[in-house]
Amino acid sequence: MSEHFETQAVRTQIERSQHKEHSAPIYMTSSYKFDDAEEMRALFTGEQEGNIYSRYANPNVDEFITKMALLEGAEDGWATATGMAAIFTTFAAFLKQGDHILSSRSVFGSTHQLLHNIFPKWGVSYSYADLDKTEEWENIIQPNTKMIYVETPSNPGIDIIDLEWLGNFAKKHGVMLVVDNCFATPYLQQPIKYGADLSIHSATKFIDGQGRALGGIILGRNELIREIEGFARHSGPALSPFNSWLLSKSLETLAVRMDRHCESALKVAQALEENPEIQLVKYPFLPSHPQYQIAKKQMKAGGGIVTFVPKGGLQRAAKFLDSLQMFSISANLGDTRSIAV
């Protein structure tokens, strides 16, 4: 198959049925039929490959994983019901009592809740480090640090870290590196080629791209995904067949959509930067962004998110939101419709 991103996104498909359909069908089934007792035994013991139960595997889920792994440059993946399920599953599969996780300070609110409230109950500690102060990381990492977790660009601050530096830092300390690549998507950035062990996405955002489906995915080396599988098969954060089908179809238009997202976002960012009523604008491909040169090195384009601060404080910001006409006020992002949060 062609190595072009767009071709891989469109032409990567599961094996067709005897009906020779052009578009993949939706396999809405919870379980699968065994030809006989011996086949059932062989499947459950792992001696034979095949489907057992849709919490474990499903053809639509398989197609979505195969596409995402190919586009991200990963060996394999595991799909989950949401992006937060992907993050929780990753933490739970690899962290144990007494372990420490070093996280970027700029993380999504629910991820902070996992680090601050959930995993400490199970004996896992954490420390935050600033993405723009990498010189301090040597003093923050600990002997029991098991994992480094970052978002880049971060949600919602659009902070960026040098993935090449971070990959070398993690390797030097023998620590697993996990990167949330949700804001960039595999079209704009591929953390694994810079040394990340795992790349995580909330597929709900730009992967779906139309505000329809929840989903998440973890991508990386085979042996790490087997560890993920060992936890996920029995804890149940499974992605549904229907959402898998939607997300796989959405990948066919990811490149086209992201090109337009990036083009529009840059224009919005430039216009806001010229507006005297705006105090601060952050967008990766604006020269004024503190990590602009890093963004240009590791990202194809700046992405579809612009963060800005209007003058006048919270009251002025609320007035701005209430005055919007072509933007929806919503808690999602990555939609075909422009959104303000």
C-alpha atoms as a PDB file:
ATOM      1  CA  MET A   1       0.000   0.000   0.000  1.00  0.00           C
ATOM      2  CA  SER A   2       1.053   3.604  -0.576  1.00  0.00           C
ATOM      3  CA  GLU A   3       2.849   5.313   2.297  1.00  0.00           C
ATOM      4  CA  HIS A   4       0.788   8.477   1.799  1.00  0.00           C
ATOM      5  CA  PHE A   5      -1.143   9.344   4.969  1.00  0.00           C
ATOM      6  CA  GLU A   6      -4.401   9.967   3.125  1.00  0.00           C
ATOM      7  CA  THR A   7      -4.222   6.684   1.189  1.00  0.00           C
ATOM      8  CA  GLN A   8      -3.534   4.682   4.337  1.00  0.00           C
ATOM      9  CA  ALA A   9      -6.459   6.357   6.105  1.00  0.00           C
ATOM     10  CA  VAL A  10      -8.846   5.526   3.267  1.00  0.00           C
ATOM     11  CA  ARG A  11      -7.626   2.123   2.060  1.00  0.00           C
ATOM     12  CA  THR A  12      -6.789   0.323   5.314  1.00  0.00           C
ATOM     13  CA  GLN A  13      -9.747  -2.013   5.783  1.00  0.00           C
ATOM     14  CA  ILE A  14     -10.725  -5.260   7.449  1.00  0.00           C
ATOM     15  CA  GLU A  15     -11.281  -8.311   5.275  1.00  0.00           C
ATOM     16  CA  ARG A  16     -14.579  -8.127   3.443  1.00  0.00           C
ATOM     17  CA  SER A  17     -17.351 -10.667   3.929  1.00  0.00           C
ATOM     18  CA  GLN A  18     -18.785 -13.017   1.322  1.00  0.00           C
ATOM     19  CA  HIS A  19     -21.067 -10.153   0.242  1.00  0.00           C
ATOM     20  CA  LYS A  20     -18.036  -8.193  -1.068  1.00  0.00           C
ATOM     21  CA  GLU A  21     -19.232  -4.879   0.366  1.00  0.00           C
ATOM     22  CA  HIS A  22     -17.192  -1.795  -0.541  1.00  0.00           C
ATOM     23  CA  SER A  23     -17.728  -0.071   2.806  1.00  0.00           C
ATOM     24  CA  ALA A  24     -17.151  -1.991   6.030  1.00  0.00           C
ATOM     25  CA  PRO A  25     -20.354  -3.257   7.669  1.00  0.00           C
ATOM     26  CA  ILE A  26     -21.129  -2.647  11.332  1.00  0.00           C
ATOM     27  CA  TYR A  27     -20.577  -5.781  13.398  1.00  0.00           C
ATOM     28  CA  MET A  28     -23.136  -5.120  16.132  1.00  0.00           C
ATOM     29  CA  THR A  29     -22.665  -8.302  18.096  1.00  0.00           C
ATOM     30  CA  SER A  30     -21.662  -8.958  21.678  1.00  0.00           C
ATOM     31  CA  SER A  31     -20.357 -12.473  21.033  1.00  0.00           C
ATOM     32  CA  TYR A  32     -19.322 -14.884  18.282  1.00  0.00           C
ATOM     33  CA  LYS A  33     -20.245 -18.446  17.344  1.00  0.00           C
ATOM     34  CA  PHE A  34     -17.728 -21.284  17.677  1.00  0.00           C
ATOM     35  CA  ASP A  35     -17.808 -24.154  15.199  1.00  0.00           C
ATOM     36  CA  ASP A  36     -17.195 -26.693  17.942  1.00  0.00           C
ATOM     37  CA  ALA A  37     -15.866 -27.131  21.479  1.00  0.00           C
ATOM     38  CA  GLU A  38     -12.287 -27.547  20.268  1.00  0.00           C
ATOM     39  CA  GLU A  39     -12.326 -24.208  18.461  1.00  0.00           C
ATOM     40  CA  MET A  40     -13.718 -22.530  21.575  1.00  0.00           C
ATOM     41  CA  ARG A  41     -10.955 -24.082  23.698  1.00  0.00           C
ATOM     42  CA  ALA A  42      -8.226 -23.037  21.250  1.00  0.00           C
ATOM     43  CA  LEU A  43      -9.511 -19.466  21.097  1.00  0.00           C
ATOM     44  CA  PHE A  44      -9.725 -19.092  24.874  1.00  0.00           C
ATOM     45  CA  THR A  45      -6.225 -20.481  25.384  1.00  0.00           C
ATOM     46  CA  GLY A  46      -4.771 -18.249  22.671  1.00  0.00           C
ATOM     47  CA  GLU A  47      -3.654 -21.146  20.497  1.00  0.00           C
ATOM     48  CA  GLN A  48      -5.891 -19.873  17.704  1.00  0.00           C
ATOM     49  CA  GLU A  49      -6.653 -16.300  16.686  1.00  0.00           C
ATOM     50  CA  GLY A  50     -10.243 -15.165  16.362  1.00  0.00           C
ATOM     51  CA  ASN A  51     -13.090 -13.344  18.042  1.00  0.00           C
ATOM     52  CA  ILE A  52     -14.562 -14.492  21.336  1.00  0.00           C
ATOM     53  CA  TYR A  53     -16.449 -11.558  22.835  1.00  0.00           C
ATOM     54  CA  SER A  54     -16.704  -7.903  21.796  1.00  0.00           C
ATOM     55  CA  ARG A  55     -15.258  -6.710  25.094  1.00  0.00           C
ATOM     56  CA  TYR A  56     -12.069  -8.414  23.885  1.00  0.00           C
ATOM     57  CA  ALA A  57     -12.169  -7.735  20.143  1.00  0.00           C
ATOM     58  CA  ASN A  58     -14.512  -6.858  17.298  1.00  0.00           C
ATOM     59  CA  PRO A  59     -13.905  -6.454  13.531  1.00  0.00           C
ATOM     60  CA  ASN A  60     -14.845  -2.761  13.587  1.00  0.00           C
ATOM     61  CA  VAL A  61     -12.587  -2.112  16.561  1.00  0.00           C
ATOM     62  CA  ASP A  62      -9.793  -4.012  14.824  1.00  0.00           C
ATOM     63  CA  GLU A  63     -10.080  -1.835  11.713  1.00  0.00           C
ATOM     64  CA  PHE A  64      -9.961   1.377  13.752  1.00  0.00           C
ATOM     65  CA  ILE A  65      -6.911   0.182  15.696  1.00  0.00           C
ATOM     66  CA  THR A  66      -5.112  -0.986  12.548  1.00  0.00           C
ATOM     67  CA  LYS A  67      -5.638   2.378  10.843  1.00  0.00           C
ATOM     68  CA  MET A  68      -4.583   4.415  13.848  1.00  0.00           C
ATOM     69  CA  ALA A  69      -1.462   2.324  14.457  1.00  0.00           C
ATOM     70  CA  LEU A  70      -0.434   2.704  10.828  1.00  0.00           C
ATOM     71  CA  LEU A  71      -1.008   6.466  10.822  1.00  0.00           C
ATOM     72  CA  GLU A  72       0.757   6.978  14.155  1.00  0.00           C
ATOM     73  CA  GLY A  73       3.730   4.776  13.304  1.00  0.00           C
ATOM     74  CA  ALA A  74       2.928   2.292  16.085  1.00  0.00           C
ATOM     75  CA  GLU A  75       3.077  -1.494  16.088  1.00  0.00           C
ATOM     76  CA  ASP A  76      -0.311  -2.007  17.720  1.00  0.00           C
ATOM     77  CA  GLY A  77      -3.023  -0.370  19.781  1.00  0.00           C
ATOM     78  CA  TRP A  78      -5.963  -0.798  22.111  1.00  0.00           C
ATOM     79  CA  ALA A  79      -9.223   1.139  21.722  1.00  0.00           C
ATOM     80  CA  THR A  80     -11.304   2.339  24.660  1.00  0.00           C
ATOM     81  CA  ALA A  81     -14.731   3.853  25.233  1.00  0.00           C
ATOM     82  CA  THR A  82     -13.372   7.372  25.879  1.00  0.00           C
ATOM     83  CA  GLY A  83     -10.126   9.287  25.953  1.00  0.00           C
ATOM     84  CA  MET A  84     -10.149   9.298  29.759  1.00  0.00           C
ATOM     85  CA  ALA A  85     -10.627   5.521  29.707  1.00  0.00           C
ATOM     86  CA  ALA A  86      -7.457   5.322  27.601  1.00  0.00           C
ATOM     87  CA  ILE A  87      -5.528   7.412  30.132  1.00  0.00           C
ATOM     88  CA  PHE A  88      -6.891   5.513  33.150  1.00  0.00           C
ATOM     89  CA  THR A  89      -6.183   2.167  31.488  1.00  0.00           C
ATOM     90  CA  THR A  90      -2.602   3.203  30.737  1.00  0.00           C
ATOM     91  CA  PHE A  91      -1.976   4.333  34.308  1.00  0.00           C
ATOM     92  CA  ALA A  92      -3.642   1.261  35.814  1.00  0.00           C
ATOM     93  CA  ALA A  93      -1.839  -1.206  33.559  1.00  0.00           C
ATOM     94  CA  PHE A  94       1.661   0.013  34.414  1.00  0.00           C
ATOM     95  CA  LEU A  95       1.578   1.772  37.803  1.00  0.00           C
ATOM     96  CA  LYS A  96       1.520   0.012  41.171  1.00  0.00           C
ATOM     97  CA  GLN A  97       1.747   0.942  44.831  1.00  0.00           C
ATOM     98  CA  GLY A  98       4.971   2.819  45.506  1.00  0.00           C
ATOM     99  CA  ASP A  99       5.403   4.099  41.943  1.00  0.00           C
ATOM    100  CA  HIS A 100       5.738   7.757  40.999  1.00  0.00           C
ATOM    101  CA  ILE A 101       4.523   9.493  37.851  1.00  0.00           C
ATOM    102  CA  LEU A 102       6.114  12.682  36.538  1.00  0.00           C
ATOM    103  CA  SER A 103       3.489  14.692  34.676  1.00  0.00           C
ATOM    104  CA  SER A 104       3.482  17.984  32.864  1.00  0.00           C
ATOM    105  CA  ARG A 105       1.648  20.618  34.888  1.00  0.00           C
ATOM    106  CA  SER A 106      -0.469  21.502  31.863  1.00  0.00           C
ATOM    107  CA  VAL A 107      -2.917  18.601  31.739  1.00  0.00           C
ATOM    108  CA  PHE A 108      -6.644  18.204  31.201  1.00  0.00           C
ATOM    109  CA  GLY A 109      -8.755  18.627  34.345  1.00  0.00           C
ATOM    110  CA  SER A 110      -9.923  15.013  34.500  1.00  0.00           C
ATOM    111  CA  THR A 111      -6.336  13.791  34.136  1.00  0.00           C
ATOM    112  CA  HIS A 112      -5.422  15.987  37.105  1.00  0.00           C
ATOM    113  CA  GLN A 113      -8.221  14.330  39.071  1.00  0.00           C
ATOM    114  CA  LEU A 114      -6.749  10.900  38.319  1.00  0.00           C
ATOM    115  CA  LEU A 115      -3.300  12.029  39.444  1.00  0.00           C
ATOM    116  CA  HIS A 116      -4.418  14.008  42.490  1.00  0.00           C
ATOM    117  CA  ASN A 117      -7.427  12.107  43.849  1.00  0.00           C
ATOM    118  CA  ILE A 118      -7.701   8.605  42.372  1.00  0.00           C
ATOM    119  CA  PHE A 119      -4.275   7.011  42.060  1.00  0.00           C
ATOM    120  CA  PRO A 120      -2.905   8.288  45.405  1.00  0.00           C
ATOM    121  CA  LYS A 121      -5.572   6.088  47.047  1.00  0.00           C
ATOM    122  CA  TRP A 122      -3.696   3.142  45.523  1.00  0.00           C
ATOM    123  CA  GLY A 123      -0.277   4.308  46.624  1.00  0.00           C
ATOM    124  CA  VAL A 124       0.828   6.054  43.415  1.00  0.00           C
ATOM    125  CA  SER A 125       2.360   9.514  43.864  1.00  0.00           C
ATOM    126  CA  TYR A 126       2.932  12.240  41.299  1.00  0.00           C
ATOM    127  CA  SER A 127       4.873  15.440  40.681  1.00  0.00           C
ATOM    128  CA  TYR A 128       4.227  18.205  38.178  1.00  0.00           C
ATOM    129  CA  ALA A 129       6.862  19.772  35.940  1.00  0.00           C
ATOM    130  CA  ASP A 130       6.532  22.772  33.635  1.00  0.00           C
ATOM    131  CA  LEU A 131       6.804  22.141  29.906  1.00  0.00           C
ATOM    132  CA  ASP A 132       8.746  25.368  29.411  1.00  0.00           C
ATOM    133  CA  LYS A 133      11.244  24.705  32.232  1.00  0.00           C
ATOM    134  CA  THR A 134      12.888  21.471  31.148  1.00  0.00           C
ATOM    135  CA  GLU A 135      16.067  22.419  33.018  1.00  0.00           C
ATOM    136  CA  GLU A 136      14.158  21.676  36.247  1.00  0.00           C
ATOM    137  CA  TRP A 137      13.078  18.149  35.299  1.00  0.00           C
ATOM    138  CA  GLU A 138      16.303  16.531  36.539  1.00  0.00           C
ATOM    139  CA  ASN A 139      15.493  17.804  40.028  1.00  0.00           C
ATOM    140  CA  ILE A 140      11.893  16.576  39.907  1.00  0.00           C
ATOM    141  CA  ILE A 141      12.265  13.025  38.609  1.00  0.00           C
ATOM    142  CA  GLN A 142      12.571  10.487  41.443  1.00  0.00           C
ATOM    143  CA  PRO A 143      14.186   7.056  41.872  1.00  0.00           C
ATOM    144  CA  ASN A 144      10.722   5.448  41.869  1.00  0.00           C
ATOM    145  CA  THR A 145       9.443   7.359  38.818  1.00  0.00           C
ATOM    146  CA  LYS A 146       7.858   4.754  36.547  1.00  0.00           C
ATOM    147  CA  MET A 147       6.210   6.963  33.937  1.00  0.00           C
ATOM    148  CA  ILE A 148       6.433  10.410  32.357  1.00  0.00           C
ATOM    149  CA  TYR A 149       3.114  11.730  31.062  1.00  0.00           C
ATOM    150  CA  VAL A 150       2.674  14.874  28.954  1.00  0.00           C
ATOM    151  CA  GLU A 151       0.186  16.585  26.688  1.00  0.00           C
ATOM    152  CA  THR A 152       1.706  18.489  23.781  1.00  0.00           C
ATOM    153  CA  PRO A 153       0.097  20.744  22.730  1.00  0.00           C
ATOM    154  CA  SER A 154      -1.579  20.840  26.135  1.00  0.00           C
ATOM    155  CA  ASN A 155      -5.286  21.197  26.836  1.00  0.00           C
ATOM    156  CA  PRO A 156      -6.234  24.032  27.038  1.00  0.00           C
ATOM    157  CA  GLY A 157      -3.063  26.111  27.434  1.00  0.00           C
ATOM    158  CA  ILE A 158      -1.422  25.072  24.127  1.00  0.00           C
ATOM    159  CA  ASP A 159       1.913  24.585  25.892  1.00  0.00           C
ATOM    160  CA  ILE A 160       4.489  22.530  23.972  1.00  0.00           C
ATOM    161  CA  ILE A 161       7.519  20.458  24.941  1.00  0.00           C
ATOM    162  CA  ASP A 162      10.398  19.337  22.746  1.00  0.00           C
ATOM    163  CA  LEU A 163       9.559  15.677  22.128  1.00  0.00           C
ATOM    164  CA  GLU A 164      13.069  14.858  20.946  1.00  0.00           C
ATOM    165  CA  TRP A 165      14.524  16.208  24.196  1.00  0.00           C
ATOM    166  CA  LEU A 166      11.841  14.445  26.229  1.00  0.00           C
ATOM    167  CA  GLY A 167      12.400  11.122  24.470  1.00  0.00           C
ATOM    168  CA  ASN A 168      16.113  11.297  25.272  1.00  0.00           C
ATOM    169  CA  PHE A 169      15.368  12.329  28.870  1.00  0.00           C
ATOM    170  CA  ALA A 170      13.017   9.378  29.409  1.00  0.00           C
ATOM    171  CA  LYS A 171      15.490   6.960  27.832  1.00  0.00           C
ATOM    172  CA  LYS A 172      18.329   8.289  29.993  1.00  0.00           C
ATOM    173  CA  HIS A 173      16.331   7.567  33.140  1.00  0.00           C
ATOM    174  CA  GLY A 174      14.809   4.297  31.926  1.00  0.00           C
ATOM    175  CA  VAL A 175      11.280   5.619  32.336  1.00  0.00           C
ATOM    176  CA  MET A 176       8.204   4.958  30.197  1.00  0.00           C
ATOM    177  CA  LEU A 177       7.142   8.015  28.172  1.00  0.00           C
ATOM    178  CA  VAL A 178       3.439   8.495  27.451  1.00  0.00           C
ATOM    179  CA  VAL A 179       2.294  11.386  25.237  1.00  0.00           C
ATOM    180  CA  ASP A 180      -1.272  12.601  24.839  1.00  0.00           C
ATOM    181  CA  ASN A 181      -1.379  13.442  21.119  1.00  0.00           C
ATOM    182  CA  CYS A 182      -5.052  14.399  21.038  1.00  0.00           C
ATOM    183  CA  PHE A 183      -4.653  18.048  20.001  1.00  0.00           C
ATOM    184  CA  ALA A 184      -2.208  17.301  17.194  1.00  0.00           C
ATOM    185  CA  THR A 185      -3.613  14.005  15.825  1.00  0.00           C
ATOM    186  CA  PRO A 186      -1.260  11.629  13.976  1.00  0.00           C
ATOM    187  CA  TYR A 187      -1.599  13.834  10.898  1.00  0.00           C
ATOM    188  CA  LEU A 188       0.301  16.712  12.522  1.00  0.00           C
ATOM    189  CA  GLN A 189       2.581  14.936  14.988  1.00  0.00           C
ATOM    190  CA  GLN A 190       3.850  11.419  15.722  1.00  0.00           C
ATOM    191  CA  PRO A 191       5.381  11.242  19.223  1.00  0.00           C
ATOM    192  CA  ILE A 192       6.541   7.633  18.839  1.00  0.00           C
ATOM    193  CA  LYS A 193       9.180   8.597  16.282  1.00  0.00           C
ATOM    194  CA  TYR A 194      10.657  10.967  18.892  1.00  0.00           C
ATOM    195  CA  GLY A 195      10.928   8.261  21.542  1.00  0.00           C
ATOM    196  CA  ALA A 196       7.476   8.052  23.137  1.00  0.00           C
ATOM    197  CA  ASP A 197       6.591   4.543  24.288  1.00  0.00           C
ATOM    198  CA  LEU A 198       2.853   5.147  24.060  1.00  0.00           C
ATOM    199  CA  SER A 199       0.713   7.734  22.286  1.00  0.00           C
ATOM    200  CA  ILE A 200      -2.811   8.362  23.560  1.00  0.00           C
ATOM    201  CA  HIS A 201      -5.812  10.003  21.915  1.00  0.00           C
ATOM    202  CA  SER A 202      -9.265  11.075  22.861  1.00  0.00           C
ATOM    203  CA  ALA A 203     -10.772  10.026  19.541  1.00  0.00           C
ATOM    204  CA  THR A 204     -13.867  12.004  20.544  1.00  0.00           C
ATOM    205  CA  LYS A 205     -12.115  15.155  19.366  1.00  0.00           C
ATOM    206  CA  PHE A 206     -10.453  15.590  15.967  1.00  0.00           C
ATOM    207  CA  ILE A 207     -10.431  11.876  15.094  1.00  0.00           C
ATOM    208  CA  ASP A 208     -14.233  11.782  15.023  1.00  0.00           C
ATOM    209  CA  GLY A 209     -14.337  15.409  13.969  1.00  0.00           C
ATOM    210  CA  GLN A 210     -18.093  15.824  13.992  1.00  0.00           C
ATOM    211  CA  GLY A 211     -19.145  15.741  17.646  1.00  0.00           C
ATOM    212  CA  ARG A 212     -20.852  12.345  17.373  1.00  0.00           C
ATOM    213  CA  ALA A 213     -18.845   9.565  18.978  1.00  0.00           C
ATOM    214  CA  LEU A 214     -16.918   9.010  22.188  1.00  0.00           C
ATOM    215  CA  GLY A 215     -13.722   6.997  21.932  1.00  0.00           C
ATOM    216  CA  GLY A 216     -10.099   6.654  22.948  1.00  0.00           C
ATOM    217  CA  ILE A 217      -7.028   4.743  21.830  1.00  0.00           C
ATOM    218  CA  ILE A 218      -3.579   3.778  23.134  1.00  0.00           C
ATOM    219  CA  LEU A 219      -0.822   3.133  20.577  1.00  0.00           C
ATOM    220  CA  GLY A 220       2.670   1.722  20.943  1.00  0.00           C
ATOM    221  CA  ARG A 221       4.906  -1.347  20.818  1.00  0.00           C
ATOM    222  CA  ASN A 222       3.409  -4.825  20.799  1.00  0.00           C
ATOM    223  CA  GLU A 223       4.716  -5.822  24.211  1.00  0.00           C
ATOM    224  CA  LEU A 224       3.294  -2.697  25.857  1.00  0.00           C
ATOM    225  CA  ILE A 225      -0.088  -3.118  24.204  1.00  0.00           C
ATOM    226  CA  ARG A 226      -0.196  -6.706  25.514  1.00  0.00           C
ATOM    227  CA  GLU A 227       0.182  -5.257  29.020  1.00  0.00           C
ATOM    228  CA  ILE A 228      -2.681  -2.871  28.253  1.00  0.00           C
ATOM    229  CA  GLU A 229      -4.746  -5.764  26.918  1.00  0.00           C
ATOM    230  CA  GLY A 230      -4.166  -7.790  30.079  1.00  0.00           C
ATOM    231  CA  PHE A 231      -5.807  -5.049  32.127  1.00  0.00           C
ATOM    232  CA  ALA A 232      -8.439  -3.856  29.651  1.00  0.00           C
ATOM    233  CA  ARG A 233      -9.898  -7.253  28.743  1.00  0.00           C
ATOM    234  CA  HIS A 234     -10.924  -7.809  32.348  1.00  0.00           C
ATOM    235  CA  SER A 235     -11.779  -4.261  33.438  1.00  0.00           C
ATOM    236  CA  GLY A 236     -13.970  -3.544  30.425  1.00  0.00           C
ATOM    237  CA  PRO A 237     -13.283  -0.049  28.983  1.00  0.00           C
ATOM    238  CA  ALA A 238     -14.207  -1.370  25.531  1.00  0.00           C
ATOM    239  CA  LEU A 239     -15.027   0.782  22.513  1.00  0.00           C
ATOM    240  CA  SER A 240     -18.379  -0.090  20.945  1.00  0.00           C
ATOM    241  CA  PRO A 241     -18.564  -1.532  17.408  1.00  0.00           C
ATOM    242  CA  PHE A 242     -20.731   1.354  16.206  1.00  0.00           C
ATOM    243  CA  ASN A 243     -18.406   4.055  17.528  1.00  0.00           C
ATOM    244  CA  SER A 244     -15.446   2.138  16.098  1.00  0.00           C
ATOM    245  CA  TRP A 245     -17.121   2.144  12.692  1.00  0.00           C
ATOM    246  CA  LEU A 246     -17.794   5.898  12.929  1.00  0.00           C
ATOM    247  CA  LEU A 247     -14.230   6.668  13.993  1.00  0.00           C
ATOM    248  CA  SER A 248     -12.696   4.493  11.293  1.00  0.00           C
ATOM    249  CA  LYS A 249     -14.809   6.217   8.639  1.00  0.00           C
ATOM    250  CA  SER A 250     -13.848   9.612  10.095  1.00  0.00           C
ATOM    251  CA  LEU A 251     -10.164   8.847   9.604  1.00  0.00           C
ATOM    252  CA  GLU A 252     -10.779   8.850   5.848  1.00  0.00           C
ATOM    253  CA  THR A 253     -11.242  12.636   5.996  1.00  0.00           C
ATOM    254  CA  LEU A 254      -8.816  13.452   8.831  1.00  0.00           C
ATOM    255  CA  ALA A 255      -6.110  14.972   6.607  1.00  0.00           C
ATOM    256  CA  VAL A 256      -8.548  17.200   4.716  1.00  0.00           C
ATOM    257  CA  ARG A 257     -10.247  18.324   7.912  1.00  0.00           C
ATOM    258  CA  MET A 258      -7.018  19.056   9.765  1.00  0.00           C
ATOM    259  CA  ASP A 259      -5.666  21.089   6.851  1.00  0.00           C
ATOM    260  CA  ARG A 260      -8.742  23.313   7.031  1.00  0.00           C
ATOM    261  CA  HIS A 261      -8.707  23.431  10.855  1.00  0.00           C
ATOM    262  CA  CYS A 262      -5.096  24.606  10.797  1.00  0.00           C
ATOM    263  CA  GLU A 263      -5.685  27.159   8.060  1.00  0.00           C
ATOM    264  CA  SER A 264      -8.707  28.655   9.826  1.00  0.00           C
ATOM    265  CA  ALA A 265      -7.132  28.600  13.294  1.00  0.00           C
ATOM    266  CA  LEU A 266      -4.028  30.443  12.096  1.00  0.00           C
ATOM    267  CA  LYS A 267      -6.183  33.166  10.528  1.00  0.00           C
ATOM    268  CA  VAL A 268      -8.199  33.523  13.746  1.00  0.00           C
ATOM    269  CA  ALA A 269      -5.021  33.645  15.841  1.00  0.00           C
ATOM    270  CA  GLN A 270      -3.463  36.312  13.613  1.00  0.00           C
ATOM    271  CA  ALA A 271      -6.632  38.426  13.713  1.00  0.00           C
ATOM    272  CA  LEU A 272      -6.864  38.164  17.499  1.00  0.00           C
ATOM    273  CA  GLU A 273      -3.206  39.099  17.904  1.00  0.00           C
ATOM    274  CA  GLU A 274      -3.835  42.324  15.994  1.00  0.00           C
ATOM    275  CA  ASN A 275      -6.889  43.209  18.111  1.00  0.00           C
ATOM    276  CA  PRO A 276      -6.070  45.772  20.846  1.00  0.00           C
ATOM    277  CA  GLU A 277      -8.809  44.305  23.069  1.00  0.00           C
ATOM    278  CA  ILE A 278      -6.948  40.996  23.369  1.00  0.00           C
ATOM    279  CA  GLN A 279      -4.315  40.617  26.084  1.00  0.00           C
ATOM    280  CA  LEU A 280      -2.753  37.294  25.042  1.00  0.00           C
ATOM    281  CA  VAL A 281      -2.989  34.858  22.121  1.00  0.00           C
ATOM    282  CA  LYS A 282      -1.381  31.404  22.045  1.00  0.00           C
ATOM    283  CA  TYR A 283      -1.197  29.314  18.902  1.00  0.00           C
ATOM    284  CA  PRO A 284       1.699  26.961  18.078  1.00  0.00           C
ATOM    285  CA  PHE A 285       2.443  28.452  14.659  1.00  0.00           C
ATOM    286  CA  LEU A 286       2.366  32.093  15.765  1.00  0.00           C
ATOM    287  CA  PRO A 287       5.951  33.413  16.072  1.00  0.00           C
ATOM    288  CA  SER A 288       4.917  34.906  19.431  1.00  0.00           C
ATOM    289  CA  HIS A 289       4.275  31.460  20.935  1.00  0.00           C
ATOM    290  CA  PRO A 290       7.049  30.710  23.481  1.00  0.00           C
ATOM    291  CA  GLN A 291       7.707  27.299  21.908  1.00  0.00           C
ATOM    292  CA  TYR A 292       7.173  28.361  18.288  1.00  0.00           C
ATOM    293  CA  GLN A 293      10.472  26.915  17.046  1.00  0.00           C
ATOM    294  CA  ILE A 294       9.784  23.589  18.769  1.00  0.00           C
ATOM    295  CA  ALA A 295       6.301  23.455  17.256  1.00  0.00           C
ATOM    296  CA  LYS A 296       7.701  24.103  13.780  1.00  0.00           C
ATOM    297  CA  LYS A 297      10.221  21.283  14.282  1.00  0.00           C
ATOM    298  CA  GLN A 298       7.833  18.541  15.415  1.00  0.00           C
ATOM    299  CA  MET A 299       4.419  19.523  14.022  1.00  0.00           C
ATOM    300  CA  LYS A 300       3.261  19.682  10.418  1.00  0.00           C
ATOM    301  CA  ALA A 301       0.963  22.623  11.230  1.00  0.00           C
ATOM    302  CA  GLY A 302      -0.396  24.378  14.304  1.00  0.00           C
ATOM    303  CA  GLY A 303      -3.625  22.491  14.904  1.00  0.00           C
ATOM    304  CA  GLY A 304      -7.188  23.661  15.323  1.00  0.00           C
ATOM    305  CA  ILE A 305      -7.108  25.212  18.809  1.00  0.00           C
ATOM    306  CA  VAL A 306      -6.452  28.868  19.653  1.00  0.00           C
ATOM    307  CA  THR A 307      -6.202  30.043  23.270  1.00  0.00           C
ATOM    308  CA  PHE A 308      -6.566  33.731  24.083  1.00  0.00           C
ATOM    309  CA  VAL A 309      -7.250  36.108  26.977  1.00  0.00           C
ATOM    310  CA  PRO A 310      -9.409  39.203  26.400  1.00  0.00           C
ATOM    311  CA  LYS A 311      -8.718  42.341  28.390  1.00  0.00           C
ATOM    312  CA  GLY A 312     -11.171  43.055  31.190  1.00  0.00           C
ATOM    313  CA  GLY A 313     -11.072  39.820  33.124  1.00  0.00           C
ATOM    314  CA  LEU A 314     -13.730  37.163  33.619  1.00  0.00           C
ATOM    315  CA  GLN A 315     -16.682  39.490  33.114  1.00  0.00           C
ATOM    316  CA  ARG A 316     -15.378  40.621  29.730  1.00  0.00           C
ATOM    317  CA  ALA A 317     -14.674  37.015  28.729  1.00  0.00           C
ATOM    318  CA  ALA A 318     -18.253  36.013  29.602  1.00  0.00           C
ATOM    319  CA  LYS A 319     -19.596  38.931  27.571  1.00  0.00           C
ATOM    320  CA  PHE A 320     -17.450  37.826  24.634  1.00  0.00           C
ATOM    321  CA  LEU A 321     -18.854  34.285  24.798  1.00  0.00           C
ATOM    322  CA  ASP A 322     -22.427  35.547  25.040  1.00  0.00           C
ATOM    323  CA  SER A 323     -21.899  37.740  21.962  1.00  0.00           C
ATOM    324  CA  LEU A 324     -20.753  34.939  19.666  1.00  0.00           C
ATOM    325  CA  GLN A 325     -22.946  34.223  16.639  1.00  0.00           C
ATOM    326  CA  MET A 326     -21.064  31.680  14.499  1.00  0.00           C
ATOM    327  CA  PHE A 327     -19.470  29.760  17.395  1.00  0.00           C
ATOM    328  CA  SER A 328     -21.168  27.240  19.659  1.00  0.00           C
ATOM    329  CA  ILE A 329     -20.434  27.314  23.389  1.00  0.00           C
ATOM    330  CA  SER A 330     -19.722  23.667  24.115  1.00  0.00           C
ATOM    331  CA  ALA A 331     -17.509  21.381  26.210  1.00  0.00           C
ATOM    332  CA  ASN A 332     -16.164  19.515  23.167  1.00  0.00           C
ATOM    333  CA  LEU A 333     -13.591  20.412  20.519  1.00  0.00           C
ATOM    334  CA  GLY A 334     -12.496  19.196  17.105  1.00  0.00           C
ATOM    335  CA  ASP A 335     -15.992  19.505  15.631  1.00  0.00           C
ATOM    336  CA  THR A 336     -16.872  20.625  12.107  1.00  0.00           C
ATOM    337  CA  ARG A 337     -18.650  23.554  13.805  1.00  0.00           C
ATOM    338  CA  SER A 338     -16.505  26.222  15.452  1.00  0.00           C
ATOM    339  CA  ILE A 339     -16.633  25.976  19.249  1.00  0.00           C
ATOM    340  CA  ALA A 340     -15.730  28.320  22.099  1.00  0.00           C
ATOM    341  CA  VAL A 341     -15.046  26.895  25.555  1.00  0.00           C
END
